[in-house]
Amino acid sequence: MQRLFLSVAAISGFLAVCLGAFAAHGLKHRISTEALSIWQTGVQYQMYHALALLAVGLLYHFRTSKALKLSGLAFILGSFLFSGSLYALALGAVPIIGIITPIGGLSFLVGWAALVMHAQRNVA
């Protein structure tokens, strides 16, 4: 799991930088200001959770737990659902896609809560 979490964290961080640059240079004059703001929110949360996933991967080196595994998997799922749905909405996807966004946000919350559980049970 450590290899997965560290690899996905690096890929997600890389993609967040690419997608942010793409918006700043390629989408800036092609989509509305509101859509650009939605895109940037997706980029921000993807980067935040790439860094969180990196921390989970590093913590895996010291002590594993079911809670830590859940945290990493929830961060991955949350990034895909939350940021992915925002990217789709910014590019003009049907608005019903927006129903996925809060599911991704809930996944982020599960990831953070699981990280708290890991810390309470496994860190001296």
Protein backbone atom coordinates (compact mmCIF):
# COMPACT_ATOMS: atom_id res chain seq x y z
CA MET A 1 0.00 0.00 0.00
CA GLN A 2 2.84 2.39 0.74
CA ARG A 3 4.07 2.20 -2.86
CA LEU A 4 0.53 2.77 -4.15
CA PHE A 5 -0.08 5.76 -1.90
CA LEU A 6 3.26 7.40 -2.67
CA SER A 7 2.90 6.77 -6.41
CA VAL A 8 -0.67 8.06 -6.61
CA ALA A 9 0.30 11.08 -4.49
CA ALA A 10 3.11 11.95 -6.90
CA ILE A 11 0.95 11.42 -9.98
CA SER A 12 -1.91 13.43 -8.48
CA GLY A 13 0.39 16.30 -7.52
CA PHE A 14 1.94 16.27 -10.99
CA LEU A 15 -1.50 16.33 -12.62
CA ALA A 16 -2.69 19.13 -10.32
CA VAL A 17 0.21 21.30 -11.48
CA CYS A 18 -0.46 20.40 -15.12
CA LEU A 19 -4.19 21.04 -14.84
CA GLY A 20 -3.63 24.34 -13.05
CA ALA A 21 -1.24 25.50 -15.76
CA PHE A 22 -3.61 24.27 -18.45
CA ALA A 23 -6.41 26.37 -16.97
CA ALA A 24 -4.20 29.45 -16.63
CA HIS A 25 -2.90 29.26 -20.18
CA GLY A 26 -5.27 27.11 -22.24
CA LEU A 27 -8.70 27.57 -20.73
CA LYS A 28 -8.50 31.16 -19.50
CA HIS A 29 -10.15 32.63 -22.59
CA ARG A 30 -12.24 29.60 -23.53
CA ILE A 31 -14.46 29.13 -20.49
CA SER A 32 -16.35 31.54 -18.25
CA THR A 33 -14.85 33.08 -15.13
CA GLU A 34 -17.24 30.97 -13.05
CA ALA A 35 -16.18 27.77 -14.82
CA LEU A 36 -12.52 28.72 -14.36
CA SER A 37 -13.15 29.19 -10.64
CA ILE A 38 -14.77 25.74 -10.46
CA TRP A 39 -11.73 24.26 -12.24
CA GLN A 40 -9.33 25.98 -9.84
CA THR A 41 -11.24 24.60 -6.85
CA GLY A 42 -10.74 21.12 -8.29
CA VAL A 43 -7.02 21.78 -8.73
CA GLN A 44 -6.66 23.11 -5.16
CA TYR A 45 -8.39 20.16 -3.55
CA GLN A 46 -6.50 17.71 -5.73
CA MET A 47 -3.19 19.23 -4.61
CA TYR A 48 -4.20 19.39 -0.94
CA HIS A 49 -5.11 15.73 -0.99
CA ALA A 50 -2.06 14.71 -3.02
CA LEU A 51 -0.03 16.14 -0.14
CA ALA A 52 -2.25 14.41 2.41
CA LEU A 53 -1.81 11.13 0.55
CA LEU A 54 1.94 11.70 0.51
CA ALA A 55 1.82 12.02 4.31
CA VAL A 56 -0.20 8.80 4.55
CA GLY A 57 2.38 7.02 2.40
CA LEU A 58 5.20 8.29 4.59
CA LEU A 59 3.36 7.30 7.78
CA TYR A 60 3.02 3.80 6.33
CA HIS A 61 6.79 3.44 6.77
CA PHE A 62 6.47 3.73 10.55
CA ARG A 63 3.27 1.88 11.35
CA THR A 64 0.41 0.50 9.30
CA SER A 65 -3.21 0.22 10.34
CA LYS A 66 -6.60 -0.36 8.80
CA ALA A 67 -7.43 3.27 9.55
CA LEU A 68 -4.35 4.49 7.70
CA LYS A 69 -5.18 2.30 4.71
CA LEU A 70 -8.77 3.61 4.74
CA SER A 71 -7.46 7.17 4.91
CA GLY A 72 -5.27 6.73 1.84
CA LEU A 73 -7.96 5.00 -0.19
CA ALA A 74 -10.53 7.63 0.79
CA PHE A 75 -8.18 10.44 -0.29
CA ILE A 76 -7.68 8.73 -3.67
CA LEU A 77 -11.41 8.21 -4.19
CA GLY A 78 -12.21 11.73 -3.01
CA SER A 79 -9.72 13.29 -5.41
CA PHE A 80 -11.13 11.34 -8.31
CA LEU A 81 -14.78 12.08 -7.52
CA PHE A 82 -14.52 15.62 -6.15
CA SER A 83 -11.91 17.13 -8.44
CA GLY A 84 -12.90 15.01 -11.43
CA SER A 85 -16.52 16.10 -11.23
CA LEU A 86 -15.49 19.75 -10.91
CA TYR A 87 -13.27 19.46 -14.00
CA ALA A 88 -16.14 17.91 -15.92
CA LEU A 89 -18.58 20.61 -14.78
CA ALA A 90 -16.15 23.38 -15.72
CA LEU A 91 -15.86 21.92 -19.20
CA GLY A 92 -19.64 21.88 -19.66
CA ALA A 93 -20.73 18.43 -18.52
CA VAL A 94 -24.40 17.96 -17.76
CA PRO A 95 -25.19 19.51 -14.36
CA ILE A 96 -26.33 16.15 -12.91
CA ILE A 97 -22.60 15.29 -12.68
CA GLY A 98 -22.56 17.75 -9.78
CA ILE A 99 -24.23 15.11 -7.60
CA ILE A 100 -20.86 13.30 -7.52
CA THR A 101 -19.00 16.28 -6.03
CA PRO A 102 -20.36 15.97 -2.47
CA ILE A 103 -19.67 12.23 -2.50
CA GLY A 104 -16.04 13.10 -3.19
CA GLY A 105 -16.13 15.66 -0.39
CA LEU A 106 -17.54 13.05 1.98
CA SER A 107 -14.72 10.73 0.97
CA PHE A 108 -12.21 13.44 1.90
CA LEU A 109 -13.88 13.73 5.32
CA VAL A 110 -13.69 9.96 5.81
CA GLY A 111 -9.99 10.11 4.93
CA TRP A 112 -9.29 12.82 7.49
CA ALA A 113 -11.36 11.07 10.17
CA ALA A 114 -9.54 7.79 9.53
CA LEU A 115 -6.22 9.62 9.81
CA VAL A 116 -7.30 10.94 13.21
CA MET A 117 -8.23 7.38 14.27
CA HIS A 118 -4.81 6.13 13.15
CA ALA A 119 -3.05 8.88 15.07
CA GLN A 120 -5.06 8.25 18.25
CA ARG A 121 -4.43 4.53 18.21
CA ASN A 122 -0.92 4.23 16.80
CA VAL A 123 1.15 7.30 17.61
CA ALA A 124 2.78 7.52 21.03
